[in-house]
Amino acid sequence: MEYWIVAGLATFLMGLSKGGVPMIAMLSVPLMSLFMDPAQAAGLLLPIYIVADFYAIYLFRKAFSVRNLKILLPASILGILLGFGSVSYVPGDVVKLLVALIGLFYLMKSLWGRFSKQDIPAKPADIPRGLFWGTLTGLTSYISHAGGPPYQTYVLPQRLDKMVYLGTTTILFTAINLMKVPPFILAGQITWDSAIQALWLAPCALAGAASGATVSRLLSEKLFFLIIEIALAVVSLKLLYEVFFAPSL
């Protein structure tokens, strides 16, 4: 019974994130890891992510950035291929450290601009930066399920409309998660038993996505993106903690 309660909570939080509550899904794998190996937890949750992804696409289908997707989708495919080829050679802690430093670097730049009262213009969705950050998004998402910080480092400076941001994010990460399925099956992280469990847990994720969509629509643009930056800081610090302190526990 305890397992199903925690699993239901983990999938609900993941659904909240898919519905627009920033990055709270980062708690899902650690919660499930109380009962199973983290790799198996990630495999169990991936099909549920995809179910929630498709529901989120329905919720945010009316607004998205075509140009960003044209740049980021091919780049993320390259990143996933690099991740598949290097996952046995690149330590997970190295990837976590890189993602954390990316997130904190972006936040420091953003805070500097605010405190110095500089009027920093919005950056365009340019191809060179998009290919770099998109590749890194696919790579880090495949290896450590932490594609958010590099993605946001590229997209947030563009100052997209809130609904355009949500739609673009949803479509991109739906594609990334779908591309993870074959290698996860080959690695034994997705099995017939885990797929049956995912089917039972999917309604919790859908309920979370519907709740998250309601919350995200009620938030003002300024508050919404402030929450994203706070969540980015929390995720970055959590990854640093895992790299430097968690192994010694």
C-alpha atoms as a PDB file:
ATOM      1  CA  MET A   1       0.000   0.000   0.000  1.00  0.00           C
ATOM      2  CA  GLU A   2       2.826   2.425   0.859  1.00  0.00           C
ATOM      3  CA  TYR A   3       4.364   1.817  -2.560  1.00  0.00           C
ATOM      4  CA  TRP A   4       1.188   2.732  -4.418  1.00  0.00           C
ATOM      5  CA  ILE A   5       0.660   5.875  -2.317  1.00  0.00           C
ATOM      6  CA  VAL A   6       4.191   7.112  -3.065  1.00  0.00           C
ATOM      7  CA  ALA A   7       3.905   6.061  -6.711  1.00  0.00           C
ATOM      8  CA  GLY A   8       0.607   7.917  -7.043  1.00  0.00           C
ATOM      9  CA  LEU A   9       2.163  11.042  -5.507  1.00  0.00           C
ATOM     10  CA  ALA A  10       5.215  10.811  -7.778  1.00  0.00           C
ATOM     11  CA  THR A  11       3.085  10.530 -10.910  1.00  0.00           C
ATOM     12  CA  PHE A  12       0.751  13.327  -9.775  1.00  0.00           C
ATOM     13  CA  LEU A  13       3.748  15.655  -9.281  1.00  0.00           C
ATOM     14  CA  MET A  14       5.035  14.688 -12.704  1.00  0.00           C
ATOM     15  CA  GLY A  15       1.631  15.516 -14.156  1.00  0.00           C
ATOM     16  CA  LEU A  16       1.666  18.901 -12.405  1.00  0.00           C
ATOM     17  CA  SER A  17       4.930  19.677 -14.170  1.00  0.00           C
ATOM     18  CA  LYS A  18       3.529  18.652 -17.543  1.00  0.00           C
ATOM     19  CA  GLY A  19       0.539  20.881 -16.864  1.00  0.00           C
ATOM     20  CA  GLY A  20       2.794  23.906 -16.412  1.00  0.00           C
ATOM     21  CA  VAL A  21       4.043  23.921 -12.783  1.00  0.00           C
ATOM     22  CA  PRO A  22       7.790  24.254 -13.423  1.00  0.00           C
ATOM     23  CA  MET A  23      10.178  21.347 -12.828  1.00  0.00           C
ATOM     24  CA  ILE A  24       8.339  19.751  -9.897  1.00  0.00           C
ATOM     25  CA  ALA A  25       8.660  16.473 -11.827  1.00  0.00           C
ATOM     26  CA  MET A  26      12.290  16.360 -10.628  1.00  0.00           C
ATOM     27  CA  LEU A  27      10.882  14.909  -7.378  1.00  0.00           C
ATOM     28  CA  SER A  28       9.275  11.922  -9.105  1.00  0.00           C
ATOM     29  CA  VAL A  29      12.310   9.672  -9.639  1.00  0.00           C
ATOM     30  CA  PRO A  30      13.750  10.317  -6.131  1.00  0.00           C
ATOM     31  CA  LEU A  31      10.370   9.411  -4.597  1.00  0.00           C
ATOM     32  CA  MET A  32      10.134   6.186  -6.597  1.00  0.00           C
ATOM     33  CA  SER A  33      13.755   5.423  -5.725  1.00  0.00           C
ATOM     34  CA  LEU A  34      12.605   4.795  -2.143  1.00  0.00           C
ATOM     35  CA  PHE A  35      11.245   1.470  -3.434  1.00  0.00           C
ATOM     36  CA  MET A  36      13.414   0.600  -6.461  1.00  0.00           C
ATOM     37  CA  ASP A  37      16.662   1.306  -8.294  1.00  0.00           C
ATOM     38  CA  PRO A  38      16.665   4.839  -9.802  1.00  0.00           C
ATOM     39  CA  ALA A  39      17.197   3.473 -13.323  1.00  0.00           C
ATOM     40  CA  GLN A  40      14.161   1.207 -12.943  1.00  0.00           C
ATOM     41  CA  ALA A  41      12.181   4.110 -11.476  1.00  0.00           C
ATOM     42  CA  ALA A  42      13.030   6.220 -14.519  1.00  0.00           C
ATOM     43  CA  GLY A  43      11.941   3.361 -16.775  1.00  0.00           C
ATOM     44  CA  LEU A  44       8.640   2.957 -14.945  1.00  0.00           C
ATOM     45  CA  LEU A  45       7.894   6.667 -15.136  1.00  0.00           C
ATOM     46  CA  LEU A  46       8.845   7.214 -18.789  1.00  0.00           C
ATOM     47  CA  PRO A  47       5.607   5.769 -20.285  1.00  0.00           C
ATOM     48  CA  ILE A  48       3.604   7.850 -17.792  1.00  0.00           C
ATOM     49  CA  TYR A  49       5.573  10.930 -18.836  1.00  0.00           C
ATOM     50  CA  ILE A  50       4.553  10.241 -22.419  1.00  0.00           C
ATOM     51  CA  VAL A  51       0.857   9.844 -21.535  1.00  0.00           C
ATOM     52  CA  ALA A  52       0.980  13.162 -19.657  1.00  0.00           C
ATOM     53  CA  ASP A  53       2.967  14.688 -22.538  1.00  0.00           C
ATOM     54  CA  PHE A  54       0.205  13.984 -25.045  1.00  0.00           C
ATOM     55  CA  TYR A  55      -2.421  15.394 -22.706  1.00  0.00           C
ATOM     56  CA  ALA A  56      -0.262  18.496 -22.224  1.00  0.00           C
ATOM     57  CA  ILE A  57       0.022  18.883 -26.011  1.00  0.00           C
ATOM     58  CA  TYR A  58      -3.789  18.916 -26.117  1.00  0.00           C
ATOM     59  CA  LEU A  59      -3.872  21.560 -23.366  1.00  0.00           C
ATOM     60  CA  PHE A  60      -1.252  23.860 -24.957  1.00  0.00           C
ATOM     61  CA  ARG A  61      -1.729  23.005 -28.647  1.00  0.00           C
ATOM     62  CA  LYS A  62      -2.819  26.501 -29.665  1.00  0.00           C
ATOM     63  CA  ALA A  63       0.485  28.298 -29.051  1.00  0.00           C
ATOM     64  CA  PHE A  64       4.083  27.270 -29.703  1.00  0.00           C
ATOM     65  CA  SER A  65       7.213  28.564 -31.417  1.00  0.00           C
ATOM     66  CA  VAL A  66       7.687  26.851 -34.782  1.00  0.00           C
ATOM     67  CA  ARG A  67      11.153  28.361 -35.226  1.00  0.00           C
ATOM     68  CA  ASN A  68      12.373  27.074 -31.856  1.00  0.00           C
ATOM     69  CA  LEU A  69      11.088  23.581 -32.604  1.00  0.00           C
ATOM     70  CA  LYS A  70      12.741  23.554 -36.050  1.00  0.00           C
ATOM     71  CA  ILE A  71      16.058  24.331 -34.370  1.00  0.00           C
ATOM     72  CA  LEU A  72      15.757  22.332 -31.137  1.00  0.00           C
ATOM     73  CA  LEU A  73      14.213  19.077 -32.391  1.00  0.00           C
ATOM     74  CA  PRO A  74      17.088  18.085 -34.736  1.00  0.00           C
ATOM     75  CA  ALA A  75      19.622  19.217 -32.136  1.00  0.00           C
ATOM     76  CA  SER A  76      17.967  17.151 -29.397  1.00  0.00           C
ATOM     77  CA  ILE A  77      17.997  14.068 -31.661  1.00  0.00           C
ATOM     78  CA  LEU A  78      21.756  14.508 -32.004  1.00  0.00           C
ATOM     79  CA  GLY A  79      22.029  14.884 -28.220  1.00  0.00           C
ATOM     80  CA  ILE A  80      20.078  11.674 -27.591  1.00  0.00           C
ATOM     81  CA  LEU A  81      22.293   9.769 -30.039  1.00  0.00           C
ATOM     82  CA  LEU A  82      25.362  11.128 -28.264  1.00  0.00           C
ATOM     83  CA  GLY A  83      23.849  10.115 -24.926  1.00  0.00           C
ATOM     84  CA  PHE A  84      23.043   6.604 -26.158  1.00  0.00           C
ATOM     85  CA  GLY A  85      26.574   6.197 -27.426  1.00  0.00           C
ATOM     86  CA  SER A  86      28.316   7.631 -24.378  1.00  0.00           C
ATOM     87  CA  VAL A  87      26.113   6.644 -21.436  1.00  0.00           C
ATOM     88  CA  SER A  88      28.481   3.795 -20.528  1.00  0.00           C
ATOM     89  CA  TYR A  89      31.511   6.083 -20.584  1.00  0.00           C
ATOM     90  CA  VAL A  90      30.311   9.380 -19.110  1.00  0.00           C
ATOM     91  CA  PRO A  91      29.739   9.307 -15.333  1.00  0.00           C
ATOM     92  CA  GLY A  92      26.280  10.504 -14.340  1.00  0.00           C
ATOM     93  CA  ASP A  93      27.803  12.896 -11.799  1.00  0.00           C
ATOM     94  CA  VAL A  94      29.718  14.691 -14.567  1.00  0.00           C
ATOM     95  CA  VAL A  95      26.482  15.333 -16.422  1.00  0.00           C
ATOM     96  CA  LYS A  96      24.706  16.462 -13.246  1.00  0.00           C
ATOM     97  CA  LEU A  97      27.540  18.874 -12.452  1.00  0.00           C
ATOM     98  CA  LEU A  98      27.435  20.305 -15.975  1.00  0.00           C
ATOM     99  CA  VAL A  99      23.663  20.799 -15.842  1.00  0.00           C
ATOM    100  CA  ALA A 100      23.860  22.454 -12.415  1.00  0.00           C
ATOM    101  CA  LEU A 101      26.586  24.868 -13.530  1.00  0.00           C
ATOM    102  CA  ILE A 102      24.588  25.768 -16.655  1.00  0.00           C
ATOM    103  CA  GLY A 103      21.513  26.585 -14.592  1.00  0.00           C
ATOM    104  CA  LEU A 104      23.412  28.637 -12.015  1.00  0.00           C
ATOM    105  CA  PHE A 105      25.366  30.524 -14.706  1.00  0.00           C
ATOM    106  CA  TYR A 106      22.123  31.576 -16.408  1.00  0.00           C
ATOM    107  CA  LEU A 107      20.598  32.651 -13.077  1.00  0.00           C
ATOM    108  CA  MET A 108      23.658  34.727 -12.145  1.00  0.00           C
ATOM    109  CA  LYS A 109      23.493  36.512 -15.498  1.00  0.00           C
ATOM    110  CA  SER A 110      19.790  37.169 -15.007  1.00  0.00           C
ATOM    111  CA  LEU A 111      20.273  38.498 -11.459  1.00  0.00           C
ATOM    112  CA  TRP A 112      23.181  40.696 -12.557  1.00  0.00           C
ATOM    113  CA  GLY A 113      21.001  42.280 -15.199  1.00  0.00           C
ATOM    114  CA  ARG A 114      18.263  43.007 -12.664  1.00  0.00           C
ATOM    115  CA  PHE A 115      20.483  44.427  -9.930  1.00  0.00           C
ATOM    116  CA  SER A 116      22.487  46.532 -12.356  1.00  0.00           C
ATOM    117  CA  LYS A 117      19.158  47.713 -13.821  1.00  0.00           C
ATOM    118  CA  GLN A 118      20.373  46.987 -17.333  1.00  0.00           C
ATOM    119  CA  ASP A 119      17.705  46.698 -19.975  1.00  0.00           C
ATOM    120  CA  ILE A 120      18.776  43.388 -21.505  1.00  0.00           C
ATOM    121  CA  PRO A 121      17.062  42.932 -24.883  1.00  0.00           C
ATOM    122  CA  ALA A 122      15.325  39.680 -25.730  1.00  0.00           C
ATOM    123  CA  LYS A 123      17.541  37.279 -27.638  1.00  0.00           C
ATOM    124  CA  PRO A 124      16.334  35.770 -30.928  1.00  0.00           C
ATOM    125  CA  ALA A 125      15.916  32.042 -31.548  1.00  0.00           C
ATOM    126  CA  ASP A 126      19.220  31.847 -33.406  1.00  0.00           C
ATOM    127  CA  ILE A 127      20.533  28.639 -34.961  1.00  0.00           C
ATOM    128  CA  PRO A 128      24.098  28.432 -33.504  1.00  0.00           C
ATOM    129  CA  ARG A 129      22.952  28.815 -29.886  1.00  0.00           C
ATOM    130  CA  GLY A 130      19.914  26.630 -30.515  1.00  0.00           C
ATOM    131  CA  LEU A 131      21.960  23.774 -31.943  1.00  0.00           C
ATOM    132  CA  PHE A 132      24.360  23.916 -28.980  1.00  0.00           C
ATOM    133  CA  TRP A 133      21.738  24.116 -26.230  1.00  0.00           C
ATOM    134  CA  GLY A 134      19.362  21.734 -28.010  1.00  0.00           C
ATOM    135  CA  THR A 135      22.065  19.077 -28.316  1.00  0.00           C
ATOM    136  CA  LEU A 136      22.907  19.517 -24.648  1.00  0.00           C
ATOM    137  CA  THR A 137      19.201  19.249 -23.776  1.00  0.00           C
ATOM    138  CA  GLY A 138      18.882  15.906 -25.554  1.00  0.00           C
ATOM    139  CA  LEU A 139      22.139  14.605 -24.072  1.00  0.00           C
ATOM    140  CA  THR A 140      21.405  15.527 -20.448  1.00  0.00           C
ATOM    141  CA  SER A 141      17.781  14.427 -20.707  1.00  0.00           C
ATOM    142  CA  TYR A 142      18.847  10.993 -21.934  1.00  0.00           C
ATOM    143  CA  ILE A 143      21.627  10.413 -19.411  1.00  0.00           C
ATOM    144  CA  SER A 144      20.188  11.990 -16.263  1.00  0.00           C
ATOM    145  CA  HIS A 145      16.623  13.192 -17.069  1.00  0.00           C
ATOM    146  CA  ALA A 146      17.784  16.769 -16.525  1.00  0.00           C
ATOM    147  CA  GLY A 147      17.167  18.484 -19.857  1.00  0.00           C
ATOM    148  CA  GLY A 148      15.363  21.469 -18.323  1.00  0.00           C
ATOM    149  CA  PRO A 149      18.301  23.744 -17.372  1.00  0.00           C
ATOM    150  CA  PRO A 150      20.055  23.780 -20.789  1.00  0.00           C
ATOM    151  CA  TYR A 151      16.690  24.183 -22.535  1.00  0.00           C
ATOM    152  CA  GLN A 152      15.724  27.109 -20.334  1.00  0.00           C
ATOM    153  CA  THR A 153      19.135  28.733 -20.723  1.00  0.00           C
ATOM    154  CA  TYR A 154      18.347  28.989 -24.427  1.00  0.00           C
ATOM    155  CA  VAL A 155      14.620  29.753 -24.330  1.00  0.00           C
ATOM    156  CA  LEU A 156      14.091  32.016 -21.304  1.00  0.00           C
ATOM    157  CA  PRO A 157      16.218  34.918 -22.695  1.00  0.00           C
ATOM    158  CA  GLN A 158      13.833  35.012 -25.666  1.00  0.00           C
ATOM    159  CA  ARG A 159      11.037  36.236 -23.362  1.00  0.00           C
ATOM    160  CA  LEU A 160       8.379  34.164 -25.051  1.00  0.00           C
ATOM    161  CA  ASP A 161       4.714  34.540 -24.211  1.00  0.00           C
ATOM    162  CA  LYS A 162       3.797  32.207 -21.330  1.00  0.00           C
ATOM    163  CA  MET A 163       1.512  29.975 -23.398  1.00  0.00           C
ATOM    164  CA  VAL A 164       4.004  29.864 -26.290  1.00  0.00           C
ATOM    165  CA  TYR A 165       6.695  28.801 -23.820  1.00  0.00           C
ATOM    166  CA  LEU A 166       4.471  26.033 -22.417  1.00  0.00           C
ATOM    167  CA  GLY A 167       3.456  24.773 -25.858  1.00  0.00           C
ATOM    168  CA  THR A 168       7.025  24.738 -27.173  1.00  0.00           C
ATOM    169  CA  THR A 169       8.342  23.016 -24.047  1.00  0.00           C
ATOM    170  CA  THR A 170       5.605  20.381 -24.152  1.00  0.00           C
ATOM    171  CA  ILE A 171       6.116  19.472 -27.815  1.00  0.00           C
ATOM    172  CA  LEU A 172       9.906  19.319 -27.547  1.00  0.00           C
ATOM    173  CA  PHE A 173      10.024  17.110 -24.457  1.00  0.00           C
ATOM    174  CA  THR A 174       7.271  14.847 -25.779  1.00  0.00           C
ATOM    175  CA  ALA A 175       9.490  14.148 -28.788  1.00  0.00           C
ATOM    176  CA  ILE A 176      12.550  13.638 -26.571  1.00  0.00           C
ATOM    177  CA  ASN A 177      10.698  11.223 -24.281  1.00  0.00           C
ATOM    178  CA  LEU A 178       9.375   9.210 -27.238  1.00  0.00           C
ATOM    179  CA  MET A 179      12.905   8.888 -28.598  1.00  0.00           C
ATOM    180  CA  LYS A 180      14.086   7.502 -25.242  1.00  0.00           C
ATOM    181  CA  VAL A 181      11.692   4.531 -25.350  1.00  0.00           C
ATOM    182  CA  PRO A 182      13.655   2.116 -27.638  1.00  0.00           C
ATOM    183  CA  PRO A 183      16.977   2.430 -25.750  1.00  0.00           C
ATOM    184  CA  PHE A 184      15.152   2.166 -22.412  1.00  0.00           C
ATOM    185  CA  ILE A 185      13.560  -1.107 -23.580  1.00  0.00           C
ATOM    186  CA  LEU A 186      16.927  -2.409 -24.803  1.00  0.00           C
ATOM    187  CA  ALA A 187      18.458  -1.550 -21.423  1.00  0.00           C
ATOM    188  CA  GLY A 188      15.690  -3.408 -19.564  1.00  0.00           C
ATOM    189  CA  GLN A 189      14.433  -0.250 -17.853  1.00  0.00           C
ATOM    190  CA  ILE A 190      10.992  -0.685 -19.423  1.00  0.00           C
ATOM    191  CA  THR A 191       9.495  -4.156 -19.009  1.00  0.00           C
ATOM    192  CA  TRP A 192       6.056  -5.700 -19.399  1.00  0.00           C
ATOM    193  CA  ASP A 193       5.499  -5.511 -15.614  1.00  0.00           C
ATOM    194  CA  SER A 194       6.559  -1.865 -15.427  1.00  0.00           C
ATOM    195  CA  ALA A 195       4.274  -1.034 -18.375  1.00  0.00           C
ATOM    196  CA  ILE A 196       1.286  -2.578 -16.524  1.00  0.00           C
ATOM    197  CA  GLN A 197       2.128  -0.529 -13.411  1.00  0.00           C
ATOM    198  CA  ALA A 198       2.436   2.595 -15.562  1.00  0.00           C
ATOM    199  CA  LEU A 199      -1.042   1.933 -16.962  1.00  0.00           C
ATOM    200  CA  TRP A 200      -2.522   1.867 -13.455  1.00  0.00           C
ATOM    201  CA  LEU A 201      -0.670   5.050 -12.448  1.00  0.00           C
ATOM    202  CA  ALA A 202      -1.456   7.061 -15.601  1.00  0.00           C
ATOM    203  CA  PRO A 203      -4.744   8.552 -14.213  1.00  0.00           C
ATOM    204  CA  CYS A 204      -2.753  10.200 -11.387  1.00  0.00           C
ATOM    205  CA  ALA A 205      -0.495  11.865 -13.957  1.00  0.00           C
ATOM    206  CA  LEU A 206      -3.483  13.073 -15.998  1.00  0.00           C
ATOM    207  CA  ALA A 207      -5.107  14.504 -12.869  1.00  0.00           C
ATOM    208  CA  GLY A 208      -1.843  16.277 -12.066  1.00  0.00           C
ATOM    209  CA  ALA A 209      -1.585  17.689 -15.592  1.00  0.00           C
ATOM    210  CA  ALA A 210      -5.127  19.061 -15.440  1.00  0.00           C
ATOM    211  CA  SER A 211      -4.398  20.655 -12.045  1.00  0.00           C
ATOM    212  CA  GLY A 212      -1.102  22.092 -13.274  1.00  0.00           C
ATOM    213  CA  ALA A 213      -2.766  23.621 -16.326  1.00  0.00           C
ATOM    214  CA  THR A 214      -5.309  25.379 -14.112  1.00  0.00           C
ATOM    215  CA  VAL A 215      -2.576  26.761 -11.837  1.00  0.00           C
ATOM    216  CA  SER A 216      -0.323  27.903 -14.706  1.00  0.00           C
ATOM    217  CA  ARG A 217      -3.158  29.775 -16.425  1.00  0.00           C
ATOM    218  CA  LEU A 218      -3.986  31.654 -13.220  1.00  0.00           C
ATOM    219  CA  LEU A 219      -0.402  32.889 -12.731  1.00  0.00           C
ATOM    220  CA  SER A 220       0.665  36.195 -14.224  1.00  0.00           C
ATOM    221  CA  GLU A 221       3.488  36.094 -16.784  1.00  0.00           C
ATOM    222  CA  LYS A 222       5.920  37.792 -14.383  1.00  0.00           C
ATOM    223  CA  LEU A 223       5.142  35.414 -11.520  1.00  0.00           C
ATOM    224  CA  PHE A 224       5.165  32.374 -13.817  1.00  0.00           C
ATOM    225  CA  PHE A 225       8.690  33.025 -15.109  1.00  0.00           C
ATOM    226  CA  LEU A 226       9.891  33.993 -11.614  1.00  0.00           C
ATOM    227  CA  ILE A 227       8.718  30.568 -10.394  1.00  0.00           C
ATOM    228  CA  ILE A 228      10.584  28.936 -13.275  1.00  0.00           C
ATOM    229  CA  GLU A 229      13.813  30.715 -12.277  1.00  0.00           C
ATOM    230  CA  ILE A 230      13.346  29.714  -8.619  1.00  0.00           C
ATOM    231  CA  ALA A 231      12.700  26.117  -9.674  1.00  0.00           C
ATOM    232  CA  LEU A 232      15.800  26.223 -11.874  1.00  0.00           C
ATOM    233  CA  ALA A 233      17.851  27.351  -8.873  1.00  0.00           C
ATOM    234  CA  VAL A 234      16.425  24.563  -6.695  1.00  0.00           C
ATOM    235  CA  VAL A 235      17.114  21.912  -9.344  1.00  0.00           C
ATOM    236  CA  SER A 236      20.680  23.174  -9.896  1.00  0.00           C
ATOM    237  CA  LEU A 237      21.434  23.163  -6.166  1.00  0.00           C
ATOM    238  CA  LYS A 238      19.848  19.709  -5.792  1.00  0.00           C
ATOM    239  CA  LEU A 239      22.124  18.355  -8.534  1.00  0.00           C
ATOM    240  CA  LEU A 240      25.187  19.894  -6.855  1.00  0.00           C
ATOM    241  CA  TYR A 241      24.142  18.237  -3.585  1.00  0.00           C
ATOM    242  CA  GLU A 242      23.818  14.862  -5.314  1.00  0.00           C
ATOM    243  CA  VAL A 243      27.283  15.209  -6.876  1.00  0.00           C
ATOM    244  CA  PHE A 244      29.215  16.357  -3.805  1.00  0.00           C
ATOM    245  CA  PHE A 245      27.314  15.048  -0.793  1.00  0.00           C
ATOM    246  CA  ALA A 246      24.875  12.252  -1.628  1.00  0.00           C
ATOM    247  CA  PRO A 247      27.572   9.612  -2.450  1.00  0.00           C
ATOM    248  CA  SER A 248      29.116  10.001   0.988  1.00  0.00           C
ATOM    249  CA  LEU A 249      25.877   9.301   2.841  1.00  0.00           C
END
